[in-house]
């Protein structure tokens, strides 16, 4: 779709919401994020982040969790 922007959760601004399009990682990462409810097709909101590539707090459904910057960098979303 024209005009839709795909970016990593790590690059989102706090308060932005997007639909998870893809998880760019292996089976282990996909399973770990899936256990947290972070799966393609669901919406995810970036709550906060830390300076210097620190943890990123996100909310997907009713789950709010802090994930590492590297994990957040592998979750690709389409901004709403």
Protein backbone atom coordinates (compact mmCIF):
# COMPACT_ATOMS: atom_id res chain seq x y z
CA UNK A 1 0.00 0.00 0.00
CA UNK A 2 1.44 3.38 -0.87
CA UNK A 3 2.20 5.70 2.00
CA UNK A 4 2.53 2.93 4.60
CA UNK A 5 5.86 2.94 6.35
CA UNK A 6 7.53 -0.20 7.64
CA UNK A 7 10.02 0.37 10.46
CA UNK A 8 11.50 -1.52 13.38
CA UNK A 9 9.93 -1.07 16.82
CA UNK A 10 13.30 0.25 18.01
CA UNK A 11 12.91 3.20 15.60
CA UNK A 12 9.33 4.06 16.64
CA UNK A 13 8.68 7.05 18.88
CA UNK A 14 7.07 6.46 22.28
CA UNK A 15 3.29 6.46 21.86
CA UNK A 16 3.36 5.25 18.25
CA UNK A 17 1.37 2.15 17.33
CA UNK A 18 1.86 -0.19 14.42
CA UNK A 19 0.77 -3.58 13.12
CA UNK A 20 3.45 -6.26 13.37
CA UNK A 21 4.35 -7.29 9.83
CA UNK A 22 7.35 -9.53 10.41
CA UNK A 23 9.82 -10.76 13.00
CA UNK A 24 13.29 -10.90 11.48
CA UNK A 25 14.79 -13.57 13.66
CA UNK A 26 15.18 -17.26 14.10
CA UNK A 27 12.77 -19.76 15.55
CA UNK A 28 13.97 -19.08 19.11
CA UNK A 29 13.28 -15.35 18.94
CA UNK A 30 9.93 -15.87 17.22
CA UNK A 31 8.88 -18.38 19.91
CA UNK A 32 10.04 -16.16 22.76
CA UNK A 33 8.18 -13.12 21.44
CA UNK A 34 5.16 -15.28 20.63
CA UNK A 35 5.00 -16.39 24.27
CA UNK A 36 4.73 -12.69 25.15
CA UNK A 37 1.89 -12.19 22.67
CA UNK A 38 4.11 -10.35 20.18
CA UNK A 39 3.15 -12.01 16.90
CA UNK A 40 2.62 -10.86 13.30
CA UNK A 41 -0.81 -9.38 12.69
CA UNK A 42 -1.20 -7.86 16.16
CA UNK A 43 -0.84 -4.21 17.04
CA UNK A 44 2.07 -3.09 19.18
CA UNK A 45 2.58 0.25 20.91
CA UNK A 46 5.95 1.57 21.98
CA UNK A 47 5.58 2.86 25.53
CA UNK A 48 9.13 4.04 26.25
CA UNK A 49 12.77 3.48 25.52
CA UNK A 50 16.12 4.21 27.13
CA UNK A 51 19.07 6.10 25.78
CA UNK A 52 21.98 4.32 24.16
CA UNK A 53 20.20 1.22 22.86
CA UNK A 54 18.71 0.20 26.21
CA UNK A 55 15.50 -1.73 26.88
CA UNK A 56 12.31 -0.83 25.03
CA UNK A 57 8.91 -1.07 26.75
CA UNK A 58 6.09 -2.17 24.46
CA UNK A 59 2.43 -3.14 24.78
CA UNK A 60 0.71 -5.75 22.63
CA UNK A 61 -2.86 -6.62 23.56
CA UNK A 62 -3.05 -6.59 27.35
CA UNK A 63 0.64 -7.43 27.78
CA UNK A 64 3.20 -4.73 28.58
CA UNK A 65 6.81 -5.88 28.64
CA UNK A 66 10.36 -4.55 28.36
CA UNK A 67 12.43 -6.17 25.63
CA UNK A 68 16.03 -5.67 24.60
CA UNK A 69 16.93 -3.16 21.91
CA UNK A 70 18.17 -5.97 19.66
CA UNK A 71 14.82 -7.76 19.87
CA UNK A 72 12.93 -4.51 19.21
CA UNK A 73 15.14 -3.95 16.17
CA UNK A 74 13.93 -7.26 14.66
CA UNK A 75 10.18 -6.54 15.02
CA UNK A 76 9.02 -4.83 11.82
CA UNK A 77 5.75 -2.90 11.93
CA UNK A 78 3.51 -0.93 9.60
CA UNK A 79 2.70 2.33 11.37
CA UNK A 80 -0.98 3.09 11.92
